[in-house]
């Protein structure tokens, strides 16, 4: 607060001037109404010969910790929600240049987990802090809260500005793909409400603290309800696309089976190259010259099926839980597509080849 303004308000109150009269004369003199309201709020409205200052907001270490964690949770939630939105857009609007990779990536599952953890944590901490402000409105003026809020506004403004520049750049280059435009919109949908709310909240905090705390409540409740609806819908649809944890376990097991069979096939080629004959069983693939990872199913522990059909032709069989066609990527090479499989027992027809 401007010291000259504070001193004028203090002397005026001590001379018995009405608060409304002080406010009017300062505004007429050119002071901002928000500055005037903040200056008046610094003194208690009590009957006493001299102006009685309100206690300056003091932030306990516990509250500082809660503010820091709440803003960290907000950042984690916002960036993770963006990653989930990007994955959904890639899934539905992939182009020939940037094509969606089938199956959930580690980044997507990590983003979902981060949202599930960070969003409830943010709501819980903000509820605690809002209750503390309601009990003592002066805490709304805490310095650490102001610094973190303005930092959030700077980050949000930078993201929005960069977002709009990127969109305009692509438009001028004549390459406004649907997926790109939707990603720009997704960023604005995430950062816009956050930036708008905290900017409004800071402007309200500059008014008289008792009044601003009451004004913030309806907007906060509406924002929370809207955010919960968006997050629940997004999480539900993302889990539908990605699959349940049980489905993902089945996919990982099937991927492990394919990796095992591919590794066995490579070692059969090595065996044929060394011995000029086919192995009689998978147990023959032992010794220092071979590097077999596993000849057993990772779930049941049963041996994979191996059978020589004719000459150097053979088949490897395993029981799969999922159909690889549900996550097939047409960009794969032929050597990768030969390991496509249906659910249930599936045999791969292969041929041993000696090293050139």
Protein backbone atom coordinates (compact mmCIF):
# COMPACT_ATOMS: atom_id res chain seq x y z
CA UNK A 1 0.00 0.00 0.00
CA UNK A 2 1.20 3.50 -0.80
CA UNK A 3 2.51 5.01 2.45
CA UNK A 4 1.20 8.48 1.58
CA UNK A 5 -2.30 7.07 1.04
CA UNK A 6 -2.12 5.06 4.24
CA UNK A 7 -1.06 8.08 6.27
CA UNK A 8 -3.85 10.24 4.82
CA UNK A 9 -6.51 7.64 5.64
CA UNK A 10 -5.12 7.22 9.15
CA UNK A 11 -5.18 10.95 9.90
CA UNK A 12 -8.65 11.38 8.37
CA UNK A 13 -10.11 8.59 10.50
CA UNK A 14 -8.51 10.04 13.63
CA UNK A 15 -10.15 13.39 12.84
CA UNK A 16 -13.55 11.71 12.72
CA UNK A 17 -14.13 11.69 8.97
CA UNK A 18 -16.63 9.14 7.63
CA UNK A 19 -15.22 6.26 5.59
CA UNK A 20 -17.51 7.02 2.66
CA UNK A 21 -16.40 10.65 2.63
CA UNK A 22 -12.74 9.62 2.68
CA UNK A 23 -13.37 7.18 -0.18
CA UNK A 24 -15.15 9.81 -2.29
CA UNK A 25 -12.54 12.51 -1.86
CA UNK A 26 -9.65 10.15 -2.67
CA UNK A 27 -11.37 8.83 -5.79
CA UNK A 28 -12.13 12.39 -6.85
CA UNK A 29 -8.45 13.23 -6.33
CA UNK A 30 -7.44 10.50 -8.79
CA UNK A 31 -6.69 7.49 -6.60
CA UNK A 32 -7.87 4.08 -7.83
CA UNK A 33 -10.95 2.86 -5.99
CA UNK A 34 -9.29 -0.49 -5.34
CA UNK A 35 -6.33 1.21 -3.69
CA UNK A 36 -8.67 3.29 -1.56
CA UNK A 37 -10.73 0.27 -0.48
CA UNK A 38 -7.57 -1.62 0.38
CA UNK A 39 -6.30 1.33 2.40
CA UNK A 40 -9.56 1.66 4.34
CA UNK A 41 -9.61 -2.08 4.97
CA UNK A 42 -6.24 -1.77 6.71
CA UNK A 43 -8.00 -0.02 9.63
CA UNK A 44 -10.68 -1.58 11.79
CA UNK A 45 -14.16 0.00 11.74
CA UNK A 46 -14.37 0.53 15.51
CA UNK A 47 -15.17 3.55 17.66
CA UNK A 48 -11.86 4.79 19.10
CA UNK A 49 -10.13 8.21 19.27
CA UNK A 50 -7.28 7.04 16.98
CA UNK A 51 -7.30 4.80 13.91
CA UNK A 52 -6.97 1.14 14.89
CA UNK A 53 -4.96 -0.92 12.35
CA UNK A 54 -6.12 -4.37 11.45
CA UNK A 55 -3.59 -7.13 12.11
CA UNK A 56 -1.40 -7.63 9.09
CA UNK A 57 -1.90 -11.03 7.45
CA UNK A 58 0.58 -13.51 8.86
CA UNK A 59 1.06 -16.81 7.11
CA UNK A 60 2.01 -19.77 9.24
CA UNK A 61 4.55 -22.26 7.91
CA UNK A 62 1.80 -24.90 7.64
CA UNK A 63 -0.31 -22.62 5.46
CA UNK A 64 2.69 -21.79 3.27
CA UNK A 65 3.20 -25.50 2.79
CA UNK A 66 -0.46 -25.98 1.86
CA UNK A 67 -0.35 -23.14 -0.67
CA UNK A 68 2.81 -24.52 -2.28
CA UNK A 69 1.45 -28.05 -2.54
CA UNK A 70 -1.91 -26.83 -3.86
CA UNK A 71 -0.30 -24.86 -6.69
CA UNK A 72 2.05 -27.74 -7.52
CA UNK A 73 -0.99 -30.04 -7.69
CA UNK A 74 -2.69 -27.50 -9.97
CA UNK A 75 0.29 -27.46 -12.36
CA UNK A 76 0.53 -31.26 -12.42
CA UNK A 77 -3.21 -31.57 -13.03
CA UNK A 78 -3.25 -28.98 -15.84
CA UNK A 79 -0.30 -30.47 -17.74
CA UNK A 80 -1.60 -34.03 -17.27
CA UNK A 81 -5.08 -33.06 -18.47
CA UNK A 82 -3.44 -31.55 -21.54
CA UNK A 83 -1.56 -34.79 -22.21
CA UNK A 84 -4.80 -36.78 -21.97
CA UNK A 85 -6.61 -34.38 -24.31
CA UNK A 86 -3.75 -34.64 -26.81
CA UNK A 87 -3.93 -38.45 -26.71
CA UNK A 88 -7.68 -38.39 -27.34
CA UNK A 89 -7.25 -35.96 -30.24
CA UNK A 90 -4.49 -38.09 -31.76
CA UNK A 91 -6.71 -41.13 -31.47
CA UNK A 92 -9.57 -39.58 -33.43
CA UNK A 93 -7.78 -37.11 -35.71
CA UNK A 94 -4.40 -38.66 -36.50
CA UNK A 95 -2.87 -37.56 -39.79
CA UNK A 96 -0.59 -39.40 -42.18
CA UNK A 97 2.34 -37.48 -40.70
CA UNK A 98 1.49 -37.67 -37.01
CA UNK A 99 -0.31 -40.93 -36.54
CA UNK A 100 -1.62 -42.17 -33.24
CA UNK A 101 0.37 -45.04 -31.80
CA UNK A 102 -1.99 -47.92 -30.92
CA UNK A 103 -2.22 -48.87 -27.31
CA UNK A 104 -1.63 -46.64 -24.29
CA UNK A 105 1.87 -45.21 -23.88
CA UNK A 106 3.61 -44.78 -20.57
CA UNK A 107 3.04 -41.02 -20.86
CA UNK A 108 -0.72 -41.47 -21.25
CA UNK A 109 -1.12 -43.83 -18.32
CA UNK A 110 1.12 -41.61 -16.19
CA UNK A 111 -1.03 -38.59 -17.11
CA UNK A 112 -4.20 -40.43 -16.10
CA UNK A 113 -2.64 -41.45 -12.79
CA UNK A 114 -1.46 -37.87 -12.19
CA UNK A 115 -4.98 -36.50 -12.74
CA UNK A 116 -6.51 -39.06 -10.39
CA UNK A 117 -4.05 -38.05 -7.66
CA UNK A 118 -3.47 -34.32 -8.26
CA UNK A 119 -7.04 -33.13 -8.89
CA UNK A 120 -8.62 -34.42 -5.63
CA UNK A 121 -5.53 -33.23 -3.73
CA UNK A 122 -5.90 -29.74 -5.20
CA UNK A 123 -9.62 -29.60 -4.33
CA UNK A 124 -8.96 -30.82 -0.78
CA UNK A 125 -6.19 -28.28 -0.14
CA UNK A 126 -8.15 -25.39 -1.65
CA UNK A 127 -11.13 -26.29 0.53
CA UNK A 128 -8.90 -26.19 3.62
CA UNK A 129 -7.41 -22.86 2.59
CA UNK A 130 -10.82 -21.39 1.70
CA UNK A 131 -12.13 -22.36 5.13
CA UNK A 132 -9.15 -20.64 6.75
CA UNK A 133 -9.81 -17.47 4.71
CA UNK A 134 -13.50 -17.54 5.63
CA UNK A 135 -12.56 -17.71 9.31
CA UNK A 136 -9.94 -14.96 8.96
CA UNK A 137 -10.43 -12.89 5.75
CA UNK A 138 -7.12 -11.07 6.31
CA UNK A 139 -5.31 -14.24 5.25
CA UNK A 140 -6.59 -13.56 1.75
CA UNK A 141 -3.85 -10.89 1.58
CA UNK A 142 -0.96 -13.29 2.34
CA UNK A 143 2.18 -12.56 0.33
CA UNK A 144 2.98 -16.15 -0.63
CA UNK A 145 -0.54 -16.58 -1.97
CA UNK A 146 -0.14 -13.44 -4.05
CA UNK A 147 3.27 -14.47 -5.40
CA UNK A 148 2.11 -17.95 -6.36
CA UNK A 149 -1.05 -16.60 -7.93
CA UNK A 150 0.82 -14.06 -10.03
CA UNK A 151 3.32 -16.77 -11.03
CA UNK A 152 0.38 -18.87 -12.19
CA UNK A 153 -0.97 -15.92 -14.14
CA UNK A 154 2.41 -15.40 -15.82
CA UNK A 155 2.65 -19.08 -16.79
CA UNK A 156 -0.94 -19.12 -18.01
CA UNK A 157 -0.47 -15.94 -20.04
CA UNK A 158 2.72 -17.33 -21.62
CA UNK A 159 0.97 -20.57 -22.59
CA UNK A 160 -2.03 -18.79 -24.07
CA UNK A 161 0.19 -16.37 -25.99
CA UNK A 162 2.39 -19.17 -27.34
CA UNK A 163 -0.72 -21.16 -28.21
CA UNK A 164 -2.20 -18.36 -30.28
CA UNK A 165 1.14 -17.65 -31.99
CA UNK A 166 1.51 -21.32 -32.95
CA UNK A 167 -2.04 -21.43 -34.33
CA UNK A 168 -1.52 -18.26 -36.37
CA UNK A 169 1.81 -19.57 -37.66
CA UNK A 170 0.22 -22.81 -38.88
CA UNK A 171 -2.66 -20.89 -40.44
CA UNK A 172 -0.27 -18.60 -42.33
CA UNK A 173 1.70 -21.64 -43.49
CA UNK A 174 -1.49 -23.16 -44.91
CA UNK A 175 -1.35 -26.25 -42.71
CA UNK A 176 -4.17 -25.95 -40.13
CA UNK A 177 -4.86 -29.67 -39.54
CA UNK A 178 -7.94 -30.57 -37.53
CA UNK A 179 -5.89 -32.30 -34.87
CA UNK A 180 -3.61 -29.29 -34.42
CA UNK A 181 -6.49 -26.84 -34.13
CA UNK A 182 -8.19 -29.06 -31.56
CA UNK A 183 -4.98 -29.22 -29.53
CA UNK A 184 -4.83 -25.44 -29.51
CA UNK A 185 -8.45 -25.34 -28.35
CA UNK A 186 -7.67 -27.92 -25.65
CA UNK A 187 -4.85 -25.76 -24.27
CA UNK A 188 -7.14 -22.73 -24.20
CA UNK A 189 -9.88 -24.74 -22.48
CA UNK A 190 -7.44 -25.76 -19.74
CA UNK A 191 -5.47 -22.55 -19.22
CA UNK A 192 -8.30 -20.09 -19.91
CA UNK A 193 -10.46 -20.84 -16.86
CA UNK A 194 -7.41 -21.10 -14.58
CA UNK A 195 -6.01 -17.79 -15.81
CA UNK A 196 -9.41 -16.10 -15.73
CA UNK A 197 -10.32 -17.25 -12.24
CA UNK A 198 -7.03 -16.32 -10.58
CA UNK A 199 -6.92 -12.97 -12.35
CA UNK A 200 -10.44 -12.22 -11.11
CA UNK A 201 -9.56 -13.51 -7.66
CA UNK A 202 -6.53 -11.22 -7.42
CA UNK A 203 -8.60 -8.23 -8.48
CA UNK A 204 -11.17 -9.08 -5.83
CA UNK A 205 -8.46 -9.47 -3.22
CA UNK A 206 -7.47 -5.85 -3.80
CA UNK A 207 -10.92 -4.78 -2.63
CA UNK A 208 -11.98 -4.86 0.99
CA UNK A 209 -11.13 -8.35 2.15
CA UNK A 210 -14.40 -9.14 3.91
CA UNK A 211 -16.44 -8.35 0.82
CA UNK A 212 -14.10 -10.06 -1.66
CA UNK A 213 -14.11 -13.31 0.29
CA UNK A 214 -17.90 -13.45 0.03
CA UNK A 215 -17.85 -12.63 -3.69
CA UNK A 216 -15.41 -15.42 -4.45
CA UNK A 217 -17.57 -18.20 -3.00
CA UNK A 218 -20.20 -18.56 -5.80
CA UNK A 219 -17.60 -18.38 -8.57
CA UNK A 220 -15.43 -20.91 -6.78
CA UNK A 221 -18.31 -23.35 -6.34
CA UNK A 222 -19.27 -23.03 -10.02
CA UNK A 223 -15.69 -23.51 -11.15
CA UNK A 224 -15.24 -26.56 -8.94
CA UNK A 225 -18.46 -28.20 -10.16
CA UNK A 226 -17.55 -27.54 -13.80
CA UNK A 227 -14.01 -28.83 -13.32
CA UNK A 228 -15.24 -32.00 -11.62
CA UNK A 229 -17.66 -32.70 -14.48
CA UNK A 230 -14.94 -32.18 -17.11
CA UNK A 231 -12.41 -34.32 -15.25
CA UNK A 232 -14.85 -37.18 -14.58
CA UNK A 233 -16.01 -37.27 -18.21
CA UNK A 234 -12.43 -37.07 -19.49
CA UNK A 235 -11.19 -39.81 -17.17
CA UNK A 236 -14.13 -42.06 -18.03
CA UNK A 237 -13.65 -41.73 -21.77
CA UNK A 238 -9.85 -42.06 -21.49
CA UNK A 239 -10.15 -45.26 -19.49
CA UNK A 240 -12.61 -46.51 -22.12
CA UNK A 241 -10.00 -45.86 -24.83
CA UNK A 242 -7.00 -47.06 -22.88
CA UNK A 243 -8.70 -50.02 -21.22
CA UNK A 244 -9.06 -51.15 -17.65
CA UNK A 245 -6.02 -52.23 -15.61
CA UNK A 246 -7.02 -55.87 -16.18
CA UNK A 247 -7.16 -55.34 -19.93
CA UNK A 248 -3.79 -53.64 -19.90
CA UNK A 249 -2.31 -56.56 -17.96
CA UNK A 250 -3.59 -58.91 -20.67
CA UNK A 251 -2.03 -56.73 -23.38
CA UNK A 252 1.33 -56.66 -21.58
CA UNK A 253 1.28 -60.44 -21.15
CA UNK A 254 0.52 -60.95 -24.84
CA UNK A 255 3.29 -58.55 -25.79
CA UNK A 256 5.64 -60.53 -23.56
CA UNK A 257 4.57 -63.76 -25.28
CA UNK A 258 5.28 -62.28 -28.70
CA UNK A 259 8.70 -61.06 -27.52
CA UNK A 260 9.48 -64.52 -26.13
CA UNK A 261 8.47 -66.25 -29.38
CA UNK A 262 10.46 -63.76 -31.46
CA UNK A 263 13.49 -64.40 -29.24
CA UNK A 264 13.02 -68.18 -29.53
CA UNK A 265 12.82 -67.87 -33.33
CA UNK A 266 16.13 -66.02 -33.42
CA UNK A 267 17.78 -68.70 -31.30
CA UNK A 268 16.37 -71.44 -33.56
CA UNK A 269 18.10 -69.69 -36.46
CA UNK A 270 21.33 -69.71 -34.43
CA UNK A 271 20.91 -73.41 -33.63
CA UNK A 272 20.32 -74.27 -37.29
CA UNK A 273 23.34 -72.20 -38.33
CA UNK A 274 25.59 -74.02 -35.84
CA UNK A 275 24.26 -77.59 -36.20
CA UNK A 276 22.71 -77.62 -39.69
CA UNK A 277 19.62 -79.26 -38.24
CA UNK A 278 16.51 -78.19 -36.38
CA UNK A 279 16.34 -78.44 -32.58
CA UNK A 280 14.25 -81.36 -31.34
CA UNK A 281 12.71 -79.29 -28.54
CA UNK A 282 12.98 -75.84 -27.08
CA UNK A 283 15.16 -77.24 -24.29
CA UNK A 284 17.91 -77.78 -26.87
CA UNK A 285 18.31 -74.00 -27.00
CA UNK A 286 20.64 -73.90 -24.01
CA UNK A 287 24.30 -73.20 -23.65
CA UNK A 288 26.59 -70.19 -23.90
CA UNK A 289 25.90 -69.66 -27.63
CA UNK A 290 22.18 -69.12 -27.06
CA UNK A 291 20.38 -66.27 -25.38
CA UNK A 292 16.86 -67.53 -24.79
CA UNK A 293 14.95 -65.28 -22.45
CA UNK A 294 12.14 -67.72 -21.65
CA UNK A 295 10.53 -70.81 -23.17
CA UNK A 296 7.59 -70.67 -20.74
CA UNK A 297 4.36 -68.69 -20.78
CA UNK A 298 4.74 -65.73 -18.36
CA UNK A 299 1.28 -66.32 -16.87
CA UNK A 300 0.71 -70.09 -16.83
CA UNK A 301 4.32 -71.26 -16.76
CA UNK A 302 3.65 -73.84 -19.50
CA UNK A 303 6.17 -74.44 -22.26
CA UNK A 304 5.49 -72.71 -25.56
CA UNK A 305 4.56 -75.21 -28.28
CA UNK A 306 7.22 -75.96 -30.88
CA UNK A 307 6.93 -78.39 -33.78
CA UNK A 308 8.94 -78.97 -36.97
CA UNK A 309 6.53 -79.27 -39.90
CA UNK A 310 8.78 -79.88 -42.90
CA UNK A 311 12.51 -79.41 -43.42
CA UNK A 312 13.40 -76.06 -41.91
CA UNK A 313 9.78 -75.02 -41.49
CA UNK A 314 8.34 -75.05 -38.01
CA UNK A 315 5.61 -73.49 -35.91
CA UNK A 316 5.57 -71.79 -32.54
CA UNK A 317 2.29 -71.65 -30.65
CA UNK A 318 1.00 -69.78 -27.62
CA UNK A 319 -2.35 -68.99 -26.02
CA UNK A 320 -3.15 -65.27 -26.23
CA UNK A 321 -5.76 -63.32 -24.31
CA UNK A 322 -6.20 -60.39 -26.71
CA UNK A 323 -6.42 -59.77 -30.44
CA UNK A 324 -3.45 -57.76 -31.71
CA UNK A 325 -5.65 -56.40 -34.50
CA UNK A 326 -7.30 -54.06 -31.99
CA UNK A 327 -4.03 -52.13 -31.67
CA UNK A 328 -2.47 -52.78 -35.06
CA UNK A 329 -0.29 -50.11 -36.68
CA UNK A 330 -0.07 -50.25 -40.47
CA UNK A 331 3.31 -48.52 -40.47
CA UNK A 332 5.04 -51.64 -39.14
CA UNK A 333 7.35 -53.66 -41.33
CA UNK A 334 6.44 -57.12 -42.64
CA UNK A 335 8.77 -58.75 -40.10
CA UNK A 336 6.67 -57.20 -37.34
CA UNK A 337 3.28 -57.95 -38.90
CA UNK A 338 3.97 -61.70 -39.02
CA UNK A 339 3.54 -61.69 -35.24
CA UNK A 340 -0.07 -60.51 -35.42
CA UNK A 341 -2.37 -62.89 -33.54
CA UNK A 342 -5.98 -63.51 -32.56
CA UNK A 343 -7.17 -64.25 -29.06
CA UNK A 344 -6.90 -67.90 -28.01
CA UNK A 345 -4.38 -70.46 -29.25
CA UNK A 346 -2.42 -69.14 -32.22
CA UNK A 347 0.44 -70.75 -34.17
CA UNK A 348 3.05 -68.84 -36.17
CA UNK A 349 4.37 -70.54 -39.31
CA UNK A 350 8.10 -69.81 -39.50
CA UNK A 351 11.22 -71.01 -41.29
CA UNK A 352 14.76 -71.31 -39.92
CA UNK A 353 17.40 -69.38 -41.83
CA UNK A 354 21.16 -69.65 -41.49
CA UNK A 355 23.22 -66.51 -41.16
CA UNK A 356 24.48 -65.21 -44.56
